[in-house]
C-alpha atoms as a PDB file:
ATOM      1  CA  MET A   1       0.000   0.000   0.000  1.00  0.00           C
ATOM      2  CA  GLY A   2       1.260   3.461  -0.841  1.00  0.00           C
ATOM      3  CA  GLY A   3       2.841   5.307   2.061  1.00  0.00           C
ATOM      4  CA  TYR A   4       2.718   2.552   4.656  1.00  0.00           C
ATOM      5  CA  THR A   5       3.213  -1.177   5.224  1.00  0.00           C
ATOM      6  CA  LEU A   6       1.197  -3.508   7.451  1.00  0.00           C
ATOM      7  CA  ILE A   7       2.440  -6.670   9.187  1.00  0.00           C
ATOM      8  CA  GLU A   8       0.169  -8.999  11.169  1.00  0.00           C
ATOM      9  CA  ASN A   9       1.323 -10.723  14.397  1.00  0.00           C
ATOM     10  CA  ALA A  10       4.546  -8.713  14.271  1.00  0.00           C
ATOM     11  CA  SER A  11       7.514  -9.251  16.566  1.00  0.00           C
ATOM     12  CA  LEU A  12       8.559  -6.184  18.572  1.00  0.00           C
ATOM     13  CA  GLY A  13      11.762  -7.770  19.930  1.00  0.00           C
ATOM     14  CA  GLN A  14      13.976  -5.677  17.627  1.00  0.00           C
ATOM     15  CA  ARG A  15      11.846  -2.569  18.156  1.00  0.00           C
ATOM     16  CA  ASN A  16      12.545  -1.949  21.850  1.00  0.00           C
ATOM     17  CA  THR A  17      15.963  -1.386  23.400  1.00  0.00           C
ATOM     18  CA  LEU A  18      15.160  -3.458  26.512  1.00  0.00           C
ATOM     19  CA  ARG A  19      14.971  -6.397  24.067  1.00  0.00           C
ATOM     20  CA  VAL A  20      11.698  -7.682  25.424  1.00  0.00           C
ATOM     21  CA  HIS A  21      10.075 -10.366  23.276  1.00  0.00           C
ATOM     22  CA  ALA A  22       6.576  -9.032  22.641  1.00  0.00           C
ATOM     23  CA  ARG A  23       4.243  -9.143  19.657  1.00  0.00           C
ATOM     24  CA  ALA A  24       1.656  -6.768  18.186  1.00  0.00           C
ATOM     25  CA  ASP A  25      -1.546  -7.829  16.460  1.00  0.00           C
ATOM     26  CA  LEU A  26      -0.664  -5.372  13.707  1.00  0.00           C
ATOM     27  CA  LEU A  27       2.432  -3.294  12.948  1.00  0.00           C
ATOM     28  CA  ALA A  28       1.989  -0.287  10.660  1.00  0.00           C
ATOM     29  CA  GLU A  29       5.114   1.448   9.359  1.00  0.00           C
ATOM     30  CA  VAL A  30       4.377   4.891   7.926  1.00  0.00           C
ATOM     31  CA  HIS A  31       6.651   6.357   5.227  1.00  0.00           C
ATOM     32  CA  ASP A  32       4.331   9.187   4.156  1.00  0.00           C
ATOM     33  CA  ALA A  33       2.610  11.212   6.909  1.00  0.00           C
ATOM     34  CA  SER A  34      -0.132  12.347   4.485  1.00  0.00           C
ATOM     35  CA  LYS A  35      -1.366   8.729   4.377  1.00  0.00           C
ATOM     36  CA  LEU A  36      -2.085   8.634   8.139  1.00  0.00           C
ATOM     37  CA  PRO A  37      -5.841   9.417   7.777  1.00  0.00           C
ATOM     38  CA  GLU A  38      -6.210   6.559   5.288  1.00  0.00           C
ATOM     39  CA  LEU A  39      -4.307   4.139   7.524  1.00  0.00           C
ATOM     40  CA  LEU A  40      -6.205   5.131  10.675  1.00  0.00           C
ATOM     41  CA  ASN A  41      -9.492   4.555   8.853  1.00  0.00           C
ATOM     42  CA  PHE A  42      -8.516   0.961   8.080  1.00  0.00           C
ATOM     43  CA  PRO A  43     -11.089  -1.190  10.006  1.00  0.00           C
ATOM     44  CA  ALA A  44      -8.510  -3.324  11.857  1.00  0.00           C
ATOM     45  CA  VAL A  45      -6.725  -0.145  13.008  1.00  0.00           C
ATOM     46  CA  ARG A  46      -9.857   1.898  13.752  1.00  0.00           C
ATOM     47  CA  GLN A  47     -11.470  -0.761  15.928  1.00  0.00           C
ATOM     48  CA  GLY A  48      -8.529  -1.574  18.207  1.00  0.00           C
ATOM     49  CA  LYS A  49      -5.979   0.072  20.476  1.00  0.00           C
ATOM     50  CA  LEU A  50      -3.226   2.185  18.931  1.00  0.00           C
ATOM     51  CA  LEU A  51       0.343   2.666  20.171  1.00  0.00           C
ATOM     52  CA  VAL A  52       2.827   4.990  18.466  1.00  0.00           C
ATOM     53  CA  LEU A  53       6.384   3.654  18.680  1.00  0.00           C
ATOM     54  CA  GLY A  54       9.667   5.365  17.761  1.00  0.00           C
ATOM     55  CA  GLU A  55      12.861   3.359  18.315  1.00  0.00           C
ATOM     56  CA  GLY A  56      11.414   1.806  21.474  1.00  0.00           C
ATOM     57  CA  SER A  57      14.161   3.355  23.618  1.00  0.00           C
ATOM     58  CA  ASN A  58      11.615   4.722  26.080  1.00  0.00           C
ATOM     59  CA  MET A  59       9.232   1.778  26.279  1.00  0.00           C
ATOM     60  CA  LEU A  60       8.748  -1.306  28.442  1.00  0.00           C
ATOM     61  CA  PHE A  61       6.389  -3.951  27.091  1.00  0.00           C
ATOM     62  CA  THR A  62       5.099  -6.085  29.967  1.00  0.00           C
ATOM     63  CA  GLY A  63       3.400  -8.436  27.474  1.00  0.00           C
ATOM     64  CA  ASP A  64       2.030  -8.620  23.915  1.00  0.00           C
ATOM     65  CA  PHE A  65       0.193  -5.584  22.533  1.00  0.00           C
ATOM     66  CA  HIS A  66      -3.336  -6.371  21.366  1.00  0.00           C
ATOM     67  CA  GLY A  67      -3.865  -3.623  18.846  1.00  0.00           C
ATOM     68  CA  THR A  68      -1.887  -1.684  16.238  1.00  0.00           C
ATOM     69  CA  VAL A  69       1.662  -0.460  16.800  1.00  0.00           C
ATOM     70  CA  LEU A  70       2.306   2.516  14.539  1.00  0.00           C
ATOM     71  CA  ALA A  71       5.927   3.312  13.674  1.00  0.00           C
ATOM     72  CA  MET A  72       6.700   6.623  11.949  1.00  0.00           C
ATOM     73  CA  ALA A  73       9.430   5.974   9.364  1.00  0.00           C
ATOM     74  CA  THR A  74       9.209   9.370   7.656  1.00  0.00           C
ATOM     75  CA  ARG A  75      12.405  11.180   6.664  1.00  0.00           C
ATOM     76  CA  GLY A  76      13.388  14.723   5.772  1.00  0.00           C
ATOM     77  CA  VAL A  77      14.910  17.953   7.093  1.00  0.00           C
ATOM     78  CA  GLN A  78      13.953  21.428   5.815  1.00  0.00           C
ATOM     79  CA  VAL A  79      15.858  24.585   6.789  1.00  0.00           C
ATOM     80  CA  GLU A  80      14.778  28.230   6.679  1.00  0.00           C
ATOM     81  CA  GLN A  81      17.457  30.747   7.584  1.00  0.00           C
ATOM     82  CA  ASP A  82      16.239  33.720   9.639  1.00  0.00           C
ATOM     83  CA  GLY A  83      19.245  35.883  10.430  1.00  0.00           C
ATOM     84  CA  ASP A  84      21.396  34.049  12.946  1.00  0.00           C
ATOM     85  CA  VAL A  85      18.635  31.541  13.728  1.00  0.00           C
ATOM     86  CA  ALA A  86      17.801  28.501  11.635  1.00  0.00           C
ATOM     87  CA  ARG A  87      14.218  27.215  11.652  1.00  0.00           C
ATOM     88  CA  ILE A  88      14.475  23.520  10.963  1.00  0.00           C
ATOM     89  CA  ALA A  89      11.482  21.241  10.301  1.00  0.00           C
ATOM     90  CA  VAL A  90      12.367  17.586  10.894  1.00  0.00           C
ATOM     91  CA  ALA A  91      10.263  14.536  10.025  1.00  0.00           C
ATOM     92  CA  ALA A  92       9.209  12.429  13.023  1.00  0.00           C
ATOM     93  CA  GLY A  93      10.975   9.289  11.794  1.00  0.00           C
ATOM     94  CA  GLU A  94      14.469  10.810  11.690  1.00  0.00           C
ATOM     95  CA  ARG A  95      16.860   9.427  14.319  1.00  0.00           C
ATOM     96  CA  TRP A  96      17.485  11.977  17.083  1.00  0.00           C
ATOM     97  CA  ASP A  97      21.238  11.391  17.355  1.00  0.00           C
ATOM     98  CA  ASP A  98      21.701  11.643  13.574  1.00  0.00           C
ATOM     99  CA  PHE A  99      19.829  14.966  13.622  1.00  0.00           C
ATOM    100  CA  VAL A 100      21.919  16.350  16.521  1.00  0.00           C
ATOM    101  CA  ARG A 101      25.150  15.425  14.709  1.00  0.00           C
ATOM    102  CA  TRP A 102      23.808  17.015  11.502  1.00  0.00           C
ATOM    103  CA  THR A 103      23.069  20.310  13.357  1.00  0.00           C
ATOM    104  CA  LEU A 104      26.614  20.372  14.743  1.00  0.00           C
ATOM    105  CA  GLY A 105      28.028  19.710  11.278  1.00  0.00           C
ATOM    106  CA  GLN A 106      26.000  22.641   9.931  1.00  0.00           C
ATOM    107  CA  GLY A 107      27.385  24.930  12.651  1.00  0.00           C
ATOM    108  CA  TYR A 108      24.196  25.302  14.707  1.00  0.00           C
ATOM    109  CA  ALA A 109      24.305  25.486  18.501  1.00  0.00           C
ATOM    110  CA  GLY A 110      21.945  24.307  21.230  1.00  0.00           C
ATOM    111  CA  LEU A 111      21.540  20.538  20.951  1.00  0.00           C
ATOM    112  CA  GLU A 112      25.145  19.595  21.763  1.00  0.00           C
ATOM    113  CA  ASN A 113      24.301  18.445  25.318  1.00  0.00           C
ATOM    114  CA  LEU A 114      21.600  16.124  23.909  1.00  0.00           C
ATOM    115  CA  ILE A 115      23.896  14.038  21.709  1.00  0.00           C
ATOM    116  CA  LEU A 116      23.779  10.230  21.888  1.00  0.00           C
ATOM    117  CA  ILE A 117      20.204  10.051  23.224  1.00  0.00           C
ATOM    118  CA  PRO A 118      18.519   7.111  21.466  1.00  0.00           C
ATOM    119  CA  GLY A 119      15.134   7.451  19.795  1.00  0.00           C
ATOM    120  CA  THR A 120      13.424   9.388  17.026  1.00  0.00           C
ATOM    121  CA  VAL A 121      12.844  13.111  16.572  1.00  0.00           C
ATOM    122  CA  GLY A 122       9.082  12.524  16.841  1.00  0.00           C
ATOM    123  CA  ALA A 123       9.510  11.065  20.321  1.00  0.00           C
ATOM    124  CA  ALA A 124      11.638  13.984  21.596  1.00  0.00           C
ATOM    125  CA  PRO A 125       8.780  16.411  22.433  1.00  0.00           C
ATOM    126  CA  ILE A 126       6.595  13.730  24.013  1.00  0.00           C
ATOM    127  CA  GLN A 127       9.129  13.037  26.740  1.00  0.00           C
ATOM    128  CA  ASN A 128      10.733  16.488  26.477  1.00  0.00           C
ATOM    129  CA  ILE A 129      14.029  14.631  26.439  1.00  0.00           C
ATOM    130  CA  GLY A 130      16.811  16.162  28.484  1.00  0.00           C
ATOM    131  CA  ALA A 131      20.395  15.537  29.545  1.00  0.00           C
ATOM    132  CA  TYR A 132      23.387  17.409  30.948  1.00  0.00           C
ATOM    133  CA  GLY A 133      21.397  20.510  31.896  1.00  0.00           C
ATOM    134  CA  THR A 134      19.492  20.957  28.616  1.00  0.00           C
ATOM    135  CA  GLU A 135      15.960  20.049  27.502  1.00  0.00           C
ATOM    136  CA  ALA A 136      14.686  19.688  23.935  1.00  0.00           C
ATOM    137  CA  ALA A 137      11.782  22.062  24.736  1.00  0.00           C
ATOM    138  CA  GLU A 138      14.177  25.037  24.849  1.00  0.00           C
ATOM    139  CA  PHE A 139      14.709  24.736  21.084  1.00  0.00           C
ATOM    140  CA  ILE A 140      11.350  23.381  19.897  1.00  0.00           C
ATOM    141  CA  GLU A 141       9.312  26.111  18.215  1.00  0.00           C
ATOM    142  CA  SER A 142       6.333  23.947  17.309  1.00  0.00           C
ATOM    143  CA  VAL A 143       5.160  20.371  16.806  1.00  0.00           C
ATOM    144  CA  GLU A 144       3.081  19.198  13.852  1.00  0.00           C
ATOM    145  CA  ALA A 145       0.775  16.293  14.597  1.00  0.00           C
ATOM    146  CA  TRP A 146      -2.300  14.413  13.418  1.00  0.00           C
ATOM    147  CA  ASP A 147      -5.074  15.060  15.931  1.00  0.00           C
ATOM    148  CA  THR A 148      -6.997  11.780  16.254  1.00  0.00           C
ATOM    149  CA  GLU A 149      -9.889  13.526  18.037  1.00  0.00           C
ATOM    150  CA  GLU A 150     -10.438  16.302  15.505  1.00  0.00           C
ATOM    151  CA  HIS A 151      -9.224  14.235  12.522  1.00  0.00           C
ATOM    152  CA  ARG A 152      -6.946  16.925  11.143  1.00  0.00           C
ATOM    153  CA  VAL A 153      -3.345  18.054  10.996  1.00  0.00           C
ATOM    154  CA  THR A 154      -2.605  20.555  13.756  1.00  0.00           C
ATOM    155  CA  THR A 155       0.390  22.648  14.813  1.00  0.00           C
ATOM    156  CA  LEU A 156       1.059  23.104  18.519  1.00  0.00           C
ATOM    157  CA  ASP A 157       3.347  25.975  19.448  1.00  0.00           C
ATOM    158  CA  ARG A 158       5.707  25.699  22.400  1.00  0.00           C
ATOM    159  CA  ALA A 159       3.121  27.030  24.875  1.00  0.00           C
ATOM    160  CA  ALA A 160       0.459  24.575  23.660  1.00  0.00           C
ATOM    161  CA  CYS A 161       2.925  21.704  24.153  1.00  0.00           C
ATOM    162  CA  SER A 162       2.918  22.402  27.947  1.00  0.00           C
ATOM    163  CA  PHE A 163       6.504  21.285  28.345  1.00  0.00           C
ATOM    164  CA  ALA A 164       7.807  20.420  31.827  1.00  0.00           C
ATOM    165  CA  TYR A 165      10.467  18.094  33.285  1.00  0.00           C
ATOM    166  CA  ARG A 166      10.147  14.874  31.204  1.00  0.00           C
ATOM    167  CA  ASP A 167       6.588  15.927  30.447  1.00  0.00           C
ATOM    168  CA  SER A 168       4.314  17.483  27.817  1.00  0.00           C
ATOM    169  CA  VAL A 169       0.701  17.738  26.647  1.00  0.00           C
ATOM    170  CA  PHE A 170       1.377  14.573  24.619  1.00  0.00           C
ATOM    171  CA  LYS A 171       1.762  12.607  27.845  1.00  0.00           C
ATOM    172  CA  HIS A 172      -1.311  14.181  29.428  1.00  0.00           C
ATOM    173  CA  GLN A 173      -3.485  13.369  26.408  1.00  0.00           C
ATOM    174  CA  PRO A 174      -2.017   9.991  25.416  1.00  0.00           C
ATOM    175  CA  GLY A 175      -3.146   8.699  22.053  1.00  0.00           C
ATOM    176  CA  ARG A 176      -4.594  12.022  20.881  1.00  0.00           C
ATOM    177  CA  TYR A 177      -1.649  13.325  18.864  1.00  0.00           C
ATOM    178  CA  ILE A 178       0.526  11.447  16.393  1.00  0.00           C
ATOM    179  CA  VAL A 179       3.626  13.609  15.926  1.00  0.00           C
ATOM    180  CA  THR A 180       4.528  13.967  12.248  1.00  0.00           C
ATOM    181  CA  ALA A 181       7.235  16.673  12.401  1.00  0.00           C
ATOM    182  CA  VAL A 182       9.063  18.907  14.882  1.00  0.00           C
ATOM    183  CA  ARG A 183      10.234  22.450  14.138  1.00  0.00           C
ATOM    184  CA  PHE A 184      13.363  23.677  15.934  1.00  0.00           C
ATOM    185  CA  ALA A 185      14.848  27.169  16.203  1.00  0.00           C
ATOM    186  CA  LEU A 186      18.628  26.888  16.522  1.00  0.00           C
ATOM    187  CA  PRO A 187      21.075  29.804  16.817  1.00  0.00           C
ATOM    188  CA  ARG A 188      24.497  29.980  15.214  1.00  0.00           C
ATOM    189  CA  SER A 189      26.017  30.730  18.602  1.00  0.00           C
ATOM    190  CA  ARG A 190      24.956  30.808  22.239  1.00  0.00           C
ATOM    191  CA  GLU A 191      26.537  30.476  25.642  1.00  0.00           C
ATOM    192  CA  LEU A 192      27.698  26.909  26.154  1.00  0.00           C
ATOM    193  CA  ARG A 193      26.172  24.958  29.024  1.00  0.00           C
ATOM    194  CA  MET A 194      29.108  23.296  30.763  1.00  0.00           C
ATOM    195  CA  ASP A 195      28.301  23.372  34.472  1.00  0.00           C
ATOM    196  CA  TYR A 196      26.533  20.017  34.568  1.00  0.00           C
ATOM    197  CA  ALA A 197      27.916  16.620  35.601  1.00  0.00           C
ATOM    198  CA  GLY A 198      31.567  16.973  34.677  1.00  0.00           C
ATOM    199  CA  ILE A 199      31.336  18.557  31.204  1.00  0.00           C
ATOM    200  CA  ARG A 200      33.776  21.380  32.014  1.00  0.00           C
ATOM    201  CA  GLU A 201      36.289  18.926  33.492  1.00  0.00           C
ATOM    202  CA  GLU A 202      35.971  16.652  30.454  1.00  0.00           C
ATOM    203  CA  VAL A 203      36.532  19.547  28.029  1.00  0.00           C
ATOM    204  CA  ALA A 204      39.616  20.549  30.054  1.00  0.00           C
ATOM    205  CA  ARG A 205      40.838  16.937  29.924  1.00  0.00           C
ATOM    206  CA  MET A 206      40.473  17.113  26.137  1.00  0.00           C
ATOM    207  CA  GLY A 207      42.918  20.059  26.191  1.00  0.00           C
ATOM    208  CA  VAL A 208      40.441  22.522  24.647  1.00  0.00           C
ATOM    209  CA  ALA A 209      40.974  26.150  25.720  1.00  0.00           C
ATOM    210  CA  LYS A 210      38.179  27.759  23.647  1.00  0.00           C
ATOM    211  CA  PRO A 211      35.364  25.234  23.439  1.00  0.00           C
ATOM    212  CA  ALA A 212      32.759  25.237  20.646  1.00  0.00           C
ATOM    213  CA  PRO A 213      29.451  23.303  20.617  1.00  0.00           C
ATOM    214  CA  PHE A 214      31.071  20.269  18.962  1.00  0.00           C
ATOM    215  CA  HIS A 215      33.636  20.108  21.808  1.00  0.00           C
ATOM    216  CA  VAL A 216      30.812  20.009  24.361  1.00  0.00           C
ATOM    217  CA  ALA A 217      29.131  17.273  22.286  1.00  0.00           C
ATOM    218  CA  GLU A 218      32.370  15.250  22.264  1.00  0.00           C
ATOM    219  CA  ALA A 219      32.674  15.646  26.044  1.00  0.00           C
ATOM    220  CA  VAL A 220      29.072  14.442  26.515  1.00  0.00           C
ATOM    221  CA  VAL A 221      29.778  11.423  24.288  1.00  0.00           C
ATOM    222  CA  HIS A 222      32.787  10.558  26.473  1.00  0.00           C
ATOM    223  CA  LEU A 223      30.759  10.944  29.675  1.00  0.00           C
ATOM    224  CA  ARG A 224      27.740   8.987  28.403  1.00  0.00           C
ATOM    225  CA  THR A 225      29.759   6.087  27.029  1.00  0.00           C
ATOM    226  CA  ARG A 226      31.722   5.809  30.277  1.00  0.00           C
ATOM    227  CA  LYS A 227      28.621   5.924  32.496  1.00  0.00           C
ATOM    228  CA  LEU A 228      25.793   4.325  30.545  1.00  0.00           C
ATOM    229  CA  PRO A 229      25.648   0.785  29.178  1.00  0.00           C
ATOM    230  CA  ASP A 230      25.243   0.510  25.384  1.00  0.00           C
ATOM    231  CA  PRO A 231      21.796  -0.877  24.392  1.00  0.00           C
ATOM    232  CA  ALA A 232      23.539  -2.707  21.522  1.00  0.00           C
ATOM    233  CA  VAL A 233      25.524  -4.673  24.127  1.00  0.00           C
ATOM    234  CA  ILE A 234      22.984  -5.069  26.941  1.00  0.00           C
ATOM    235  CA  GLY A 235      19.250  -4.396  26.783  1.00  0.00           C
ATOM    236  CA  ASN A 236      18.287  -1.128  28.509  1.00  0.00           C
ATOM    237  CA  ALA A 237      16.148   1.982  28.036  1.00  0.00           C
ATOM    238  CA  GLY A 238      18.634   4.513  29.420  1.00  0.00           C
ATOM    239  CA  SER A 239      17.513   6.263  32.603  1.00  0.00           C
ATOM    240  CA  PHE A 240      14.553   4.249  33.879  1.00  0.00           C
ATOM    241  CA  PHE A 241      13.615   6.455  36.846  1.00  0.00           C
ATOM    242  CA  LYS A 242      12.890  10.193  36.961  1.00  0.00           C
ATOM    243  CA  ASN A 243      14.748  12.351  39.464  1.00  0.00           C
ATOM    244  CA  PRO A 244      12.056  12.933  42.125  1.00  0.00           C
ATOM    245  CA  ILE A 245      11.027  16.498  42.981  1.00  0.00           C
ATOM    246  CA  VAL A 246      10.164  17.246  46.629  1.00  0.00           C
ATOM    247  CA  ASP A 247       9.233  20.341  48.634  1.00  0.00           C
ATOM    248  CA  ALA A 248      11.980  22.312  50.405  1.00  0.00           C
ATOM    249  CA  ALA A 249      11.139  20.953  53.879  1.00  0.00           C
ATOM    250  CA  THR A 250      11.420  17.336  52.684  1.00  0.00           C
ATOM    251  CA  GLY A 251      14.651  18.094  50.827  1.00  0.00           C
ATOM    252  CA  GLU A 252      16.227  19.778  53.850  1.00  0.00           C
ATOM    253  CA  ALA A 253      15.170  16.957  56.185  1.00  0.00           C
ATOM    254  CA  LEU A 254      16.662  14.340  53.838  1.00  0.00           C
ATOM    255  CA  LYS A 255      19.889  16.346  53.437  1.00  0.00           C
ATOM    256  CA  HIS A 256      20.150  16.655  57.221  1.00  0.00           C
ATOM    257  CA  ALA A 257      19.689  12.894  57.655  1.00  0.00           C
ATOM    258  CA  HIS A 258      21.887  11.990  54.655  1.00  0.00           C
ATOM    259  CA  PRO A 259      24.562  14.700  54.127  1.00  0.00           C
ATOM    260  CA  ALA A 260      25.917  12.907  51.019  1.00  0.00           C
ATOM    261  CA  LEU A 261      22.552  13.175  49.228  1.00  0.00           C
ATOM    262  CA  VAL A 262      22.940  14.578  45.698  1.00  0.00           C
ATOM    263  CA  SER A 263      20.304  17.221  44.971  1.00  0.00           C
ATOM    264  CA  TRP A 264      19.641  20.430  43.045  1.00  0.00           C
ATOM    265  CA  ALA A 265      17.606  23.417  44.198  1.00  0.00           C
ATOM    266  CA  GLY A 266      14.895  24.460  41.759  1.00  0.00           C
ATOM    267  CA  ALA A 267      13.890  28.053  40.993  1.00  0.00           C
ATOM    268  CA  ASP A 268      10.480  27.371  42.562  1.00  0.00           C
ATOM    269  CA  GLY A 269      12.014  26.444  45.922  1.00  0.00           C
ATOM    270  CA  ARG A 270      11.505  22.712  45.401  1.00  0.00           C
ATOM    271  CA  TRP A 271      14.361  20.214  45.356  1.00  0.00           C
ATOM    272  CA  LYS A 272      15.236  17.740  42.628  1.00  0.00           C
ATOM    273  CA  LEU A 273      16.873  14.636  44.117  1.00  0.00           C
ATOM    274  CA  SER A 274      19.264  12.299  42.312  1.00  0.00           C
ATOM    275  CA  ALA A 275      17.351   9.055  41.738  1.00  0.00           C
ATOM    276  CA  ALA A 276      20.677   7.356  40.954  1.00  0.00           C
ATOM    277  CA  TRP A 277      22.037   8.333  44.388  1.00  0.00           C
ATOM    278  CA  LEU A 278      18.867   7.111  46.153  1.00  0.00           C
ATOM    279  CA  ILE A 279      19.018   3.748  44.352  1.00  0.00           C
ATOM    280  CA  GLU A 280      22.742   3.281  44.979  1.00  0.00           C
ATOM    281  CA  ALA A 281      22.372   4.294  48.643  1.00  0.00           C
ATOM    282  CA  SER A 282      19.596   1.688  48.917  1.00  0.00           C
ATOM    283  CA  GLY A 283      22.172  -0.957  47.943  1.00  0.00           C
ATOM    284  CA  LEU A 284      20.680  -1.759  44.533  1.00  0.00           C
ATOM    285  CA  LYS A 285      23.358  -0.687  42.043  1.00  0.00           C
ATOM    286  CA  GLY A 286      24.354  -3.857  40.169  1.00  0.00           C
ATOM    287  CA  ALA A 287      21.617  -5.916  41.848  1.00  0.00           C
ATOM    288  CA  ARG A 288      19.785  -8.501  39.765  1.00  0.00           C
ATOM    289  CA  GLU A 289      17.128 -11.151  39.949  1.00  0.00           C
ATOM    290  CA  GLY A 290      17.397 -13.644  37.116  1.00  0.00           C
ATOM    291  CA  ASP A 291      18.083 -11.608  33.989  1.00  0.00           C
ATOM    292  CA  ALA A 292      16.423  -8.423  35.300  1.00  0.00           C
ATOM    293  CA  GLY A 293      18.600  -5.984  37.197  1.00  0.00           C
ATOM    294  CA  ILE A 294      20.155  -2.561  37.726  1.00  0.00           C
ATOM    295  CA  SER A 295      23.315  -1.720  35.801  1.00  0.00           C
ATOM    296  CA  ASN A 296      26.571  -1.881  37.758  1.00  0.00           C
ATOM    297  CA  ARG A 297      27.713   1.172  35.771  1.00  0.00           C
ATOM    298  CA  HIS A 298      24.779   3.495  36.510  1.00  0.00           C
ATOM    299  CA  ALA A 299      22.102   3.016  39.164  1.00  0.00           C
ATOM    300  CA  LEU A 300      19.399   4.703  37.049  1.00  0.00           C
ATOM    301  CA  VAL A 301      19.531   2.062  34.345  1.00  0.00           C
ATOM    302  CA  LEU A 302      17.294  -1.023  34.401  1.00  0.00           C
ATOM    303  CA  VAL A 303      18.938  -3.761  32.321  1.00  0.00           C
ATOM    304  CA  ASN A 304      17.981  -7.017  30.637  1.00  0.00           C
ATOM    305  CA  HIS A 305      20.926  -9.397  31.064  1.00  0.00           C
ATOM    306  CA  GLY A 306      19.488 -11.742  28.441  1.00  0.00           C
ATOM    307  CA  GLN A 307      16.075 -13.331  28.502  1.00  0.00           C
ATOM    308  CA  ALA A 308      14.129 -11.287  31.072  1.00  0.00           C
ATOM    309  CA  THR A 309      10.475 -10.838  30.165  1.00  0.00           C
ATOM    310  CA  GLY A 310       8.813  -7.459  30.340  1.00  0.00           C
ATOM    311  CA  GLU A 311       6.865  -8.712  33.335  1.00  0.00           C
ATOM    312  CA  GLN A 312      10.087  -9.659  35.168  1.00  0.00           C
ATOM    313  CA  LEU A 313      11.709  -6.287  34.377  1.00  0.00           C
ATOM    314  CA  TRP A 314       8.649  -4.405  35.625  1.00  0.00           C
ATOM    315  CA  ALA A 315       8.571  -6.514  38.799  1.00  0.00           C
ATOM    316  CA  PHE A 316      12.241  -5.658  39.439  1.00  0.00           C
ATOM    317  CA  ALA A 317      11.543  -1.954  38.820  1.00  0.00           C
ATOM    318  CA  GLN A 318       8.739  -2.154  41.413  1.00  0.00           C
ATOM    319  CA  HIS A 319      11.196  -3.760  43.851  1.00  0.00           C
ATOM    320  CA  VAL A 320      13.537  -0.769  43.364  1.00  0.00           C
ATOM    321  CA  ILE A 321      10.682   1.706  43.892  1.00  0.00           C
ATOM    322  CA  GLU A 322       9.597  -0.084  47.094  1.00  0.00           C
ATOM    323  CA  ARG A 323      13.158  -0.241  48.505  1.00  0.00           C
ATOM    324  CA  VAL A 324      13.802   3.485  47.917  1.00  0.00           C
ATOM    325  CA  GLN A 325      10.399   4.333  49.417  1.00  0.00           C
ATOM    326  CA  ALA A 326      11.164   2.212  52.500  1.00  0.00           C
ATOM    327  CA  THR A 327      14.672   3.697  52.896  1.00  0.00           C
ATOM    328  CA  PHE A 328      14.055   7.393  52.154  1.00  0.00           C
ATOM    329  CA  GLY A 329      10.285   7.891  52.054  1.00  0.00           C
ATOM    330  CA  VAL A 330      10.567   9.097  48.450  1.00  0.00           C
ATOM    331  CA  THR A 331       8.555   7.587  45.592  1.00  0.00           C
ATOM    332  CA  LEU A 332      10.376   7.062  42.298  1.00  0.00           C
ATOM    333  CA  GLU A 333       8.462   7.182  39.033  1.00  0.00           C
ATOM    334  CA  PRO A 334       9.461   5.344  35.846  1.00  0.00           C
ATOM    335  CA  GLU A 335      10.626   7.505  32.958  1.00  0.00           C
ATOM    336  CA  PRO A 336       9.712   5.149  30.077  1.00  0.00           C
ATOM    337  CA  VAL A 337       6.167   4.337  29.022  1.00  0.00           C
ATOM    338  CA  VAL A 338       5.110   1.038  30.590  1.00  0.00           C
ATOM    339  CA  VAL A 339       2.735  -0.806  28.240  1.00  0.00           C
END
């Protein structure tokens, strides 16, 4: 069929980075976003559940999916130059890391701290992906999507996207919007963000006196590859738990009881706590049960050592949440979508 392909009883094992063996009743791969209305009107798709899937790097399947999994495989990047700012429209199916590297090669600044994050461009606004002190939302001008409620293409500007920490309108209205493209506004130059998690020290170690965005990107690559396990080597979905946010009184009480606690003060007076520190201090870094476990390299990362099922991985994640709650009275929330 023009613009998309359909596969029945499709394996999702190669479509999620935790390497969970799950199947979908129907897998639809879309190569032309204009064909979405036609595809969504297909009886088998219209009558069942729908799940939009990028590279599966932010997804835990706890079992088979009884419905249609829709994968955006669209490609394309369009640039409009507006003085020192480039407005760049990117198709949802483009790989995020490829796009970040392309922007650096073109001499644009802003996304350097977000290099090496797995996933597609279309998934970036949903999660409002972030790393090393930067969030995608800072550079997203608008998101184009198919609105399944109003049955039309719509454009949501930054305000309408309701971006927050690992959050957006797309999470609050799951299933309503199918992202087809994301428009970014990227400057030629801006102040580099180097005060987070060892970037400045890494750039100094590289012997760079006057760093440019691509130097910061290289430093982040070094830091990420040292700290985080490679999904190509061991199944994982990157950071599995969000850094919890607590009120000032709770943060101060925890810091008083645990002086080594890693935390950051927010502008609103609340505290963001390091989930990795809480998990490690609960004695769970490197712990495992069967093939489900926590990485021995980074306490935020849930890993599949081989044949763990989605159910076993989710059970282990719950064990981590319960242990941290019992130890510190803080509730961790998963970052990926649990299906």
